[in-house]
């Protein structure tokens, strides 16, 4: 686990190679806890991500009376059923986890008890109206601040009704929020998404014997009578694997192998983007585990060229853009990212955070409202502030491998939200990284 006060220093490395062990997928770990908690019977979750965000989800369900045993290598959950949750204390603290609070807003709207949802300083600033408004249409008594942020207040014991809803933005969190509410809604809830987003919730519901119907861009979920506990194997997190994929691609004489990585097509568009840039990446041994596509990824040193990133690939690569932009900075020519306004409302304004980091490291950029243009070059040494954003911190750590001088990345404590073993894993494949 990461230390309390964390800055990283990365020295240039001649090459990186070997097998990088990637922790369990954060998005899938969240959903496994949620569905196990409201299922009947026992569930076992293997390769659960032991990160701050996912542990926050566990803590919330423990507070609602769910027996959860964390054995580090696996999680055992004694489900209480769809209507078995309770809360003596209605205040739920979600830390930094946007996934937890948005998904559980849907679930908690359908419970018999009141809820008050809060988080840390960063989470309290993130937009919540995207889930509030459709839940209100479902007859939930749910409100947030006038500025559309936490805290969220929910008055329980409401009769949730089904709706037909067109997602105004490409958001798997919003979709999953409505699917969870739809489990309790009378009738069938219909969701339309113009651009397909990650479908972990739909896949996992099938494991709990409540299948979701998908036809083209329409998703249908019926009110549930019960979910049945099961065993879930969580694949390696693609977003975490992405740092080492790019690290191998941009570093001379490098070759990385990543086993058991989730390659869900609604999530792994980064691979398509990198291949358009000329990356030498192979996907082998593809198979399904617990309903999720899993594979071994091989990445090697490559000569990258700048591209205009297709906007239709943006939603399925949204979490990977900090590290994709590092690849762009190492490519020949210019790379243009547009259609990615969502990056401005993550743990930080990731467009601005990346631009600020690039500026201090000698990389030329042009800011767009919904993206940026990056001109390929070479990183100088210097100091970067992560803006307390785990993905910014890890992205610039990879930049340090190919910089002329060491790069120091400040305020990296939040790396523990998604990849607590990042520094150890980086060292194991030859990255010269330490704490300062």
Protein backbone atom coordinates (compact mmCIF):
# COMPACT_ATOMS: atom_id res chain seq x y z
CA UNK A 1 0.00 0.00 0.00
CA UNK A 2 1.10 3.55 -0.61
CA UNK A 3 2.51 5.73 2.15
CA UNK A 4 0.45 8.58 3.66
CA UNK A 5 2.48 11.33 2.06
CA UNK A 6 3.43 10.41 -1.47
CA UNK A 7 5.52 11.96 -4.20
CA UNK A 8 7.03 9.84 -6.95
CA UNK A 9 10.40 10.31 -8.64
CA UNK A 10 11.08 8.45 -11.89
CA UNK A 11 14.51 8.28 -13.49
CA UNK A 12 14.96 7.49 -17.18
CA UNK A 13 15.08 3.74 -17.75
CA UNK A 14 16.90 2.02 -20.66
CA UNK A 15 14.12 -0.54 -21.10
CA UNK A 16 11.26 -2.30 -19.34
CA UNK A 17 10.36 -5.94 -19.67
CA UNK A 18 8.74 -8.94 -18.02
CA UNK A 19 5.33 -9.84 -16.70
CA UNK A 20 3.45 -7.12 -14.87
CA UNK A 21 0.88 -8.38 -12.35
CA UNK A 22 -2.20 -6.15 -12.63
CA UNK A 23 -4.75 -5.93 -9.79
CA UNK A 24 -8.45 -6.65 -10.18
CA UNK A 25 -10.69 -4.39 -12.20
CA UNK A 26 -12.05 -1.47 -10.18
CA UNK A 27 -15.36 -1.12 -12.02
CA UNK A 28 -16.10 -4.84 -11.82
CA UNK A 29 -15.05 -5.06 -8.15
CA UNK A 30 -17.56 -2.32 -7.24
CA UNK A 31 -20.38 -4.07 -9.07
CA UNK A 32 -19.53 -7.47 -7.61
CA UNK A 33 -19.92 -6.12 -4.08
CA UNK A 34 -23.17 -4.31 -4.88
CA UNK A 35 -24.91 -7.27 -6.50
CA UNK A 36 -23.56 -9.80 -3.99
CA UNK A 37 -24.93 -7.69 -1.15
CA UNK A 38 -28.50 -7.66 -2.49
CA UNK A 39 -28.48 -11.27 -3.68
CA UNK A 40 -29.88 -14.24 -1.80
CA UNK A 41 -27.21 -16.56 -0.45
CA UNK A 42 -23.44 -16.40 -0.40
CA UNK A 43 -21.11 -14.98 -3.02
CA UNK A 44 -17.35 -15.21 -3.45
CA UNK A 45 -15.34 -12.55 -5.30
CA UNK A 46 -11.86 -13.57 -6.44
CA UNK A 47 -9.11 -11.08 -7.34
CA UNK A 48 -11.06 -8.20 -5.80
CA UNK A 49 -9.27 -4.84 -6.05
CA UNK A 50 -8.00 -3.86 -2.60
CA UNK A 51 -8.12 -0.14 -3.40
CA UNK A 52 -9.49 2.81 -1.44
CA UNK A 53 -12.51 3.25 -3.73
CA UNK A 54 -13.64 -0.37 -3.66
CA UNK A 55 -13.03 -0.65 0.07
CA UNK A 56 -15.30 2.39 0.49
CA UNK A 57 -18.06 0.42 -1.25
CA UNK A 58 -17.53 -2.47 1.16
CA UNK A 59 -17.70 -0.12 4.15
CA UNK A 60 -21.02 1.34 2.97
CA UNK A 61 -22.60 -2.10 2.65
CA UNK A 62 -21.27 -3.22 6.02
CA UNK A 63 -23.00 -0.17 7.44
CA UNK A 64 -26.22 -1.45 5.85
CA UNK A 65 -26.00 -4.76 7.65
CA UNK A 66 -24.23 -6.92 5.05
CA UNK A 67 -21.75 -9.51 6.36
CA UNK A 68 -18.60 -9.10 4.23
CA UNK A 69 -15.38 -10.96 4.97
CA UNK A 70 -12.24 -9.60 3.32
CA UNK A 71 -9.58 -12.28 3.05
CA UNK A 72 -7.31 -10.13 0.80
CA UNK A 73 -7.17 -12.80 -1.92
CA UNK A 74 -10.95 -13.05 -2.07
CA UNK A 75 -14.11 -11.56 -0.60
CA UNK A 76 -17.02 -13.49 0.89
CA UNK A 77 -20.41 -11.78 0.97
CA UNK A 78 -23.50 -13.05 2.77
CA UNK A 79 -26.25 -11.45 0.74
CA UNK A 80 -29.33 -10.01 2.45
CA UNK A 81 -31.64 -10.04 -0.57
CA UNK A 82 -33.20 -7.19 -2.49
CA UNK A 83 -35.08 -5.89 0.54
CA UNK A 84 -32.72 -6.82 3.37
CA UNK A 85 -30.63 -3.66 3.66
CA UNK A 86 -31.11 -1.35 6.63
CA UNK A 87 -29.42 1.73 8.08
CA UNK A 88 -29.39 2.82 11.72
CA UNK A 89 -27.18 5.73 10.66
CA UNK A 90 -28.24 7.28 7.32
CA UNK A 91 -24.90 9.03 6.58
CA UNK A 92 -22.80 7.20 3.98
CA UNK A 93 -19.27 8.43 3.18
CA UNK A 94 -17.99 7.35 -0.26
CA UNK A 95 -14.51 8.86 0.02
CA UNK A 96 -13.22 9.61 -3.48
CA UNK A 97 -15.33 7.03 -5.31
CA UNK A 98 -17.55 8.55 -7.98
CA UNK A 99 -18.56 5.08 -9.18
CA UNK A 100 -19.80 4.06 -5.74
CA UNK A 101 -21.90 7.14 -5.09
CA UNK A 102 -23.51 7.32 -8.54
CA UNK A 103 -24.38 3.61 -8.69
CA UNK A 104 -25.65 3.50 -5.15
CA UNK A 105 -27.79 6.58 -5.65
CA UNK A 106 -29.95 4.32 -7.81
CA UNK A 107 -29.96 1.43 -5.36
CA UNK A 108 -30.59 3.57 -2.27
CA UNK A 109 -33.45 5.44 -3.94
CA UNK A 110 -35.41 2.19 -3.82
CA UNK A 111 -34.80 1.32 -0.15
CA UNK A 112 -37.13 1.77 2.83
CA UNK A 113 -34.74 4.03 4.74
CA UNK A 114 -33.43 7.56 4.25
CA UNK A 115 -29.86 8.16 3.05
CA UNK A 116 -27.41 11.05 3.15
CA UNK A 117 -24.50 10.63 0.71
CA UNK A 118 -21.20 12.47 1.13
CA UNK A 119 -17.55 12.12 0.06
CA UNK A 120 -14.13 13.71 0.26
CA UNK A 121 -13.34 17.23 -0.94
CA UNK A 122 -12.84 16.12 -4.55
CA UNK A 123 -15.97 13.97 -4.75
CA UNK A 124 -18.11 16.73 -3.20
CA UNK A 125 -17.38 18.86 -6.31
CA UNK A 126 -18.27 16.30 -8.98
CA UNK A 127 -21.56 16.55 -10.94
CA UNK A 128 -24.48 14.48 -9.70
CA UNK A 129 -27.50 15.90 -11.56
CA UNK A 130 -26.96 13.33 -14.30
CA UNK A 131 -28.23 10.65 -11.88
CA UNK A 132 -30.58 12.83 -9.82
CA UNK A 133 -32.89 13.88 -12.67
CA UNK A 134 -33.75 10.43 -14.11
CA UNK A 135 -34.14 8.97 -10.62
CA UNK A 136 -36.64 11.71 -9.86
CA UNK A 137 -38.50 10.63 -13.01
CA UNK A 138 -38.61 7.15 -11.44
CA UNK A 139 -40.40 8.68 -8.42
CA UNK A 140 -37.34 8.72 -6.19
CA UNK A 141 -37.29 11.44 -3.54
CA UNK A 142 -33.71 12.46 -4.17
CA UNK A 143 -32.02 15.87 -4.13
CA UNK A 144 -28.56 17.41 -4.16
CA UNK A 145 -27.17 20.94 -3.82
CA UNK A 146 -28.26 23.79 -6.08
CA UNK A 147 -24.92 23.45 -7.88
CA UNK A 148 -25.66 19.80 -8.65
CA UNK A 149 -23.13 18.26 -6.26
CA UNK A 150 -23.00 16.20 -3.08
CA UNK A 151 -24.41 15.85 -0.52
CA UNK A 152 -27.26 13.79 -1.94
CA UNK A 153 -30.34 13.33 0.24
CA UNK A 154 -32.74 10.44 -0.34
CA UNK A 155 -36.09 9.92 1.37
CA UNK A 156 -36.80 6.23 1.46
CA UNK A 157 -39.93 4.10 1.21
CA UNK A 158 -40.96 5.32 -2.26
CA UNK A 159 -42.57 3.27 -5.00
CA UNK A 160 -40.03 3.35 -7.79
CA UNK A 161 -41.54 3.24 -11.27
CA UNK A 162 -40.02 2.13 -14.55
CA UNK A 163 -39.14 4.67 -17.22
CA UNK A 164 -37.96 4.96 -20.80
CA UNK A 165 -34.79 7.03 -20.75
CA UNK A 166 -32.35 8.23 -23.38
CA UNK A 167 -28.89 8.80 -21.93
CA UNK A 168 -27.94 12.44 -22.63
CA UNK A 169 -24.25 11.58 -22.25
CA UNK A 170 -22.21 8.42 -22.70
CA UNK A 171 -21.94 7.31 -19.07
CA UNK A 172 -21.75 3.75 -17.78
CA UNK A 173 -22.20 5.10 -14.25
CA UNK A 174 -25.52 6.71 -15.14
CA UNK A 175 -26.66 3.62 -17.03
CA UNK A 176 -25.73 1.34 -14.11
CA UNK A 177 -27.45 3.65 -11.63
CA UNK A 178 -30.71 3.29 -13.56
CA UNK A 179 -30.29 -0.47 -13.99
CA UNK A 180 -29.93 -0.85 -10.22
CA UNK A 181 -33.01 1.28 -9.62
CA UNK A 182 -34.77 -0.72 -12.34
CA UNK A 183 -34.36 -3.89 -10.27
CA UNK A 184 -36.95 -2.39 -7.92
CA UNK A 185 -39.18 -0.56 -10.42
CA UNK A 186 -42.59 -1.88 -11.35
CA UNK A 187 -42.54 -3.07 -14.97
CA UNK A 188 -39.63 -2.81 -17.40
CA UNK A 189 -37.11 0.02 -17.47
CA UNK A 190 -35.82 0.88 -20.96
CA UNK A 191 -32.53 2.70 -21.48
CA UNK A 192 -31.28 4.01 -24.82
CA UNK A 193 -27.62 4.87 -25.29
CA UNK A 194 -26.46 6.48 -28.54
CA UNK A 195 -22.89 5.33 -27.95
CA UNK A 196 -22.32 1.98 -26.21
CA UNK A 197 -20.61 2.32 -22.82
CA UNK A 198 -18.98 -0.28 -20.60
CA UNK A 199 -21.45 -3.06 -19.94
CA UNK A 200 -20.07 -4.66 -16.77
CA UNK A 201 -23.39 -4.30 -14.92
CA UNK A 202 -25.40 -5.99 -17.66
CA UNK A 203 -22.94 -8.88 -17.87
CA UNK A 204 -22.75 -9.36 -14.12
CA UNK A 205 -26.51 -9.33 -13.60
CA UNK A 206 -26.63 -12.41 -15.81
CA UNK A 207 -24.25 -14.14 -13.38
CA UNK A 208 -26.75 -13.41 -10.59
CA UNK A 209 -29.52 -14.96 -12.75
CA UNK A 210 -31.28 -11.74 -13.69
CA UNK A 211 -30.47 -11.26 -17.37
CA UNK A 212 -30.63 -7.89 -19.06
CA UNK A 213 -32.00 -7.75 -22.61
CA UNK A 214 -30.01 -5.74 -25.18
CA UNK A 215 -31.30 -4.97 -28.68
CA UNK A 216 -29.16 -2.64 -30.73
CA UNK A 217 -28.79 0.45 -28.52
CA UNK A 218 -31.75 -0.41 -26.28
CA UNK A 219 -31.35 -2.01 -22.86
CA UNK A 220 -34.30 -3.55 -20.98
CA UNK A 221 -34.38 -4.59 -17.33
CA UNK A 222 -37.41 -6.04 -15.56
CA UNK A 223 -38.23 -5.72 -11.89
CA UNK A 224 -36.40 -8.47 -10.02
CA UNK A 225 -37.88 -11.02 -7.67
CA UNK A 226 -34.46 -12.08 -6.43
CA UNK A 227 -30.79 -12.32 -7.34
CA UNK A 228 -28.89 -15.54 -6.61
CA UNK A 229 -25.43 -15.43 -5.04
CA UNK A 230 -22.55 -16.74 -7.13
CA UNK A 231 -18.77 -16.76 -7.57
CA UNK A 232 -17.14 -13.94 -9.54
CA UNK A 233 -13.61 -13.93 -10.92
CA UNK A 234 -12.51 -10.32 -11.43
CA UNK A 235 -10.13 -9.84 -14.38
CA UNK A 236 -7.08 -7.62 -14.26
CA UNK A 237 -7.97 -3.95 -14.62
CA UNK A 238 -7.48 -2.76 -18.20
CA UNK A 239 -7.07 0.85 -17.06
CA UNK A 240 -4.20 -0.19 -14.79
CA UNK A 241 -2.66 -2.37 -17.49
CA UNK A 242 -2.71 0.62 -19.83
CA UNK A 243 0.24 2.31 -18.10
CA UNK A 244 2.50 -0.66 -18.75
CA UNK A 245 1.24 -1.14 -22.31
CA UNK A 246 2.18 2.45 -23.15
CA UNK A 247 5.39 2.17 -21.13
CA UNK A 248 6.56 -0.74 -23.29
CA UNK A 249 5.45 0.91 -26.54
CA UNK A 250 7.36 4.19 -25.96
CA UNK A 251 10.53 2.75 -24.36
CA UNK A 252 13.42 1.30 -26.42
CA UNK A 253 14.12 -2.44 -26.26
CA UNK A 254 10.99 -3.15 -24.22
CA UNK A 255 8.60 -6.08 -24.09
CA UNK A 256 5.77 -6.44 -21.56
CA UNK A 257 3.41 -9.37 -20.95
CA UNK A 258 0.12 -8.80 -19.10
CA UNK A 259 -1.94 -11.89 -18.24
CA UNK A 260 -5.63 -12.21 -17.36
CA UNK A 261 -6.52 -8.65 -18.38
CA UNK A 262 -10.12 -7.65 -19.04
CA UNK A 263 -10.54 -6.75 -22.71
CA UNK A 264 -14.24 -5.91 -22.73
CA UNK A 265 -14.82 -4.14 -26.08
CA UNK A 266 -16.84 -1.41 -24.35
CA UNK A 267 -13.77 -0.62 -22.31
CA UNK A 268 -10.63 -1.32 -24.34
CA UNK A 269 -10.77 1.20 -27.20
CA UNK A 270 -7.28 2.36 -26.17
CA UNK A 271 -5.91 -0.68 -27.98
CA UNK A 272 -7.53 0.48 -31.22
CA UNK A 273 -6.21 4.02 -30.71
CA UNK A 274 -2.65 2.85 -30.06
CA UNK A 275 -2.72 0.51 -33.07
CA UNK A 276 -3.85 3.43 -35.25
CA UNK A 277 -0.73 5.19 -33.96
CA UNK A 278 1.43 2.23 -34.97
CA UNK A 279 1.78 0.39 -31.67
CA UNK A 280 3.02 -3.22 -31.68
CA UNK A 281 0.39 -4.88 -29.48
CA UNK A 282 -0.90 -8.44 -29.63
CA UNK A 283 -3.92 -9.98 -27.92
CA UNK A 284 -3.79 -13.73 -27.30
CA UNK A 285 -5.64 -16.44 -25.36
CA UNK A 286 -8.99 -14.62 -25.43
CA UNK A 287 -11.70 -16.25 -23.33
CA UNK A 288 -14.69 -15.51 -21.12
CA UNK A 289 -14.38 -15.53 -17.31
CA UNK A 290 -17.50 -14.75 -15.27
CA UNK A 291 -19.02 -13.34 -18.45
CA UNK A 292 -16.15 -10.92 -19.11
CA UNK A 293 -13.69 -11.16 -22.05
CA UNK A 294 -10.16 -11.78 -20.73
CA UNK A 295 -6.85 -12.11 -22.60
CA UNK A 296 -3.07 -11.90 -22.43
CA UNK A 297 -1.66 -8.65 -23.84
CA UNK A 298 1.81 -8.38 -25.37
CA UNK A 299 3.26 -4.91 -25.95
CA UNK A 300 6.62 -4.04 -27.56
CA UNK A 301 8.68 -1.00 -28.48
CA UNK A 302 7.02 0.81 -31.37
CA UNK A 303 7.37 3.86 -33.59
CA UNK A 304 4.25 5.94 -33.00
CA UNK A 305 2.73 8.58 -35.27
CA UNK A 306 0.24 11.26 -34.34
CA UNK A 307 -3.41 10.83 -35.37
CA UNK A 308 -6.80 12.45 -35.05
CA UNK A 309 -8.39 10.16 -32.47
CA UNK A 310 -11.80 9.00 -33.78
CA UNK A 311 -14.51 10.48 -31.57
CA UNK A 312 -16.51 7.26 -31.63
CA UNK A 313 -13.66 5.59 -29.70
CA UNK A 314 -13.58 8.20 -26.95
CA UNK A 315 -16.27 6.86 -24.56
CA UNK A 316 -14.69 3.40 -24.42
CA UNK A 317 -11.27 4.87 -23.62
CA UNK A 318 -12.25 7.72 -21.31
CA UNK A 319 -10.25 6.54 -18.26
CA UNK A 320 -7.15 5.83 -20.35
CA UNK A 321 -6.70 9.25 -21.94
CA UNK A 322 -4.06 10.52 -19.52
CA UNK A 323 -1.75 7.67 -20.54
CA UNK A 324 -2.86 7.82 -24.21
CA UNK A 325 -1.77 11.47 -24.22
CA UNK A 326 1.63 10.40 -22.88
CA UNK A 327 1.89 8.11 -25.91
CA UNK A 328 0.87 11.05 -28.11
CA UNK A 329 3.69 13.16 -26.65
CA UNK A 330 6.14 10.44 -27.77
CA UNK A 331 4.69 10.12 -31.28
CA UNK A 332 5.93 11.75 -34.48
CA UNK A 333 3.67 14.66 -35.42
CA UNK A 334 0.47 15.90 -33.81
CA UNK A 335 -2.32 14.01 -32.10
CA UNK A 336 -5.76 15.55 -31.73
CA UNK A 337 -8.23 14.51 -29.04
CA UNK A 338 -11.76 15.92 -29.22
CA UNK A 339 -15.18 14.89 -27.96
CA UNK A 340 -13.77 14.24 -24.49
CA UNK A 341 -15.37 16.95 -22.34
CA UNK A 342 -16.06 14.28 -19.70
CA UNK A 343 -12.34 14.45 -18.85
CA UNK A 344 -12.90 17.89 -17.35
CA UNK A 345 -15.13 16.53 -14.59
CA UNK A 346 -13.15 13.55 -13.36
CA UNK A 347 -11.07 13.49 -10.14
CA UNK A 348 -9.45 16.56 -11.66
CA UNK A 349 -9.90 18.50 -14.88
CA UNK A 350 -7.78 15.96 -16.70
CA UNK A 351 -7.44 18.04 -19.83
CA UNK A 352 -6.02 20.95 -17.86
CA UNK A 353 -3.96 18.69 -15.56
CA UNK A 354 -2.29 17.00 -18.54
CA UNK A 355 -1.69 20.32 -20.29
CA UNK A 356 -0.08 21.77 -17.15
CA UNK A 357 2.17 18.74 -16.80
CA UNK A 358 3.17 18.83 -20.46
CA UNK A 359 3.99 22.53 -20.22
CA UNK A 360 6.45 21.92 -17.38
CA UNK A 361 8.10 19.06 -19.29
CA UNK A 362 8.66 20.76 -22.65
CA UNK A 363 5.77 19.23 -24.62
CA UNK A 364 3.74 21.62 -26.80
CA UNK A 365 -0.04 21.44 -26.55
CA UNK A 366 -3.11 23.35 -27.68
CA UNK A 367 -6.13 23.23 -25.39
CA UNK A 368 -9.61 22.56 -26.74
CA UNK A 369 -12.85 22.77 -24.79
CA UNK A 370 -13.32 19.03 -25.21
CA UNK A 371 -9.75 17.83 -25.63
CA UNK A 372 -6.31 18.92 -26.76
CA UNK A 373 -3.75 18.79 -29.54
CA UNK A 374 -0.39 17.31 -28.53
CA UNK A 375 2.76 17.76 -30.57
CA UNK A 376 5.22 14.92 -30.22
CA UNK A 377 8.62 15.65 -28.70
CA UNK A 378 10.78 14.53 -25.80
CA UNK A 379 10.06 15.03 -22.16
CA UNK A 380 12.53 17.12 -20.23
CA UNK A 381 12.97 16.50 -16.53
CA UNK A 382 10.98 18.51 -14.06
CA UNK A 383 8.23 18.57 -11.49
CA UNK A 384 4.58 17.75 -12.17
CA UNK A 385 1.60 18.13 -9.84
CA UNK A 386 -0.90 15.28 -10.15
CA UNK A 387 -3.82 17.44 -8.96
CA UNK A 388 -4.47 14.59 -6.49
CA UNK A 389 -5.62 12.48 -9.44
CA UNK A 390 -4.43 8.87 -9.54
CA UNK A 391 -4.51 8.58 -13.32
CA UNK A 392 -2.52 11.79 -13.83
CA UNK A 393 0.09 10.60 -11.31
CA UNK A 394 0.57 7.21 -12.98
CA UNK A 395 0.58 8.67 -16.50
CA UNK A 396 3.42 11.08 -15.78
CA UNK A 397 5.29 8.32 -13.96
CA UNK A 398 5.42 6.48 -17.29
CA UNK A 399 6.64 9.67 -18.99
CA UNK A 400 9.59 9.62 -16.62
CA UNK A 401 10.89 6.42 -18.22
CA UNK A 402 11.75 8.23 -21.47
CA UNK A 403 12.50 11.74 -20.15
CA UNK A 404 15.95 13.35 -20.46
CA UNK A 405 16.10 13.92 -16.71
CA UNK A 406 14.15 12.62 -13.70
CA UNK A 407 10.51 13.61 -13.29
CA UNK A 408 9.03 14.21 -9.85
CA UNK A 409 5.26 13.81 -9.54
CA UNK A 410 3.74 15.42 -6.46
CA UNK A 411 0.58 14.44 -4.57
CA UNK A 412 0.30 10.79 -5.60
CA UNK A 413 -1.48 9.41 -2.56
CA UNK A 414 -4.70 8.83 -4.52
CA UNK A 415 -2.97 6.18 -6.65
CA UNK A 416 -4.17 3.89 -3.85
CA UNK A 417 -7.76 4.33 -5.07
CA UNK A 418 -7.13 2.12 -8.09
CA UNK A 419 -3.58 0.66 -8.04
CA UNK A 420 -2.07 0.42 -4.53
CA UNK A 421 0.82 -1.76 -5.77
CA UNK A 422 1.75 0.53 -8.67
CA UNK A 423 5.26 1.42 -7.48
CA UNK A 424 6.14 -2.19 -6.65
CA UNK A 425 4.83 -3.42 -10.00
CA UNK A 426 6.69 -0.69 -11.86
CA UNK A 427 9.97 -1.63 -10.17
CA UNK A 428 9.47 -5.30 -11.02
CA UNK A 429 9.49 -4.54 -14.76
CA UNK A 430 12.52 -2.25 -14.59
CA UNK A 431 11.07 1.22 -14.06
CA UNK A 432 13.39 3.31 -11.91
CA UNK A 433 10.80 4.79 -9.54
CA UNK A 434 10.95 5.68 -5.86
CA UNK A 435 9.40 7.92 -3.23
CA UNK A 436 10.61 11.42 -2.40
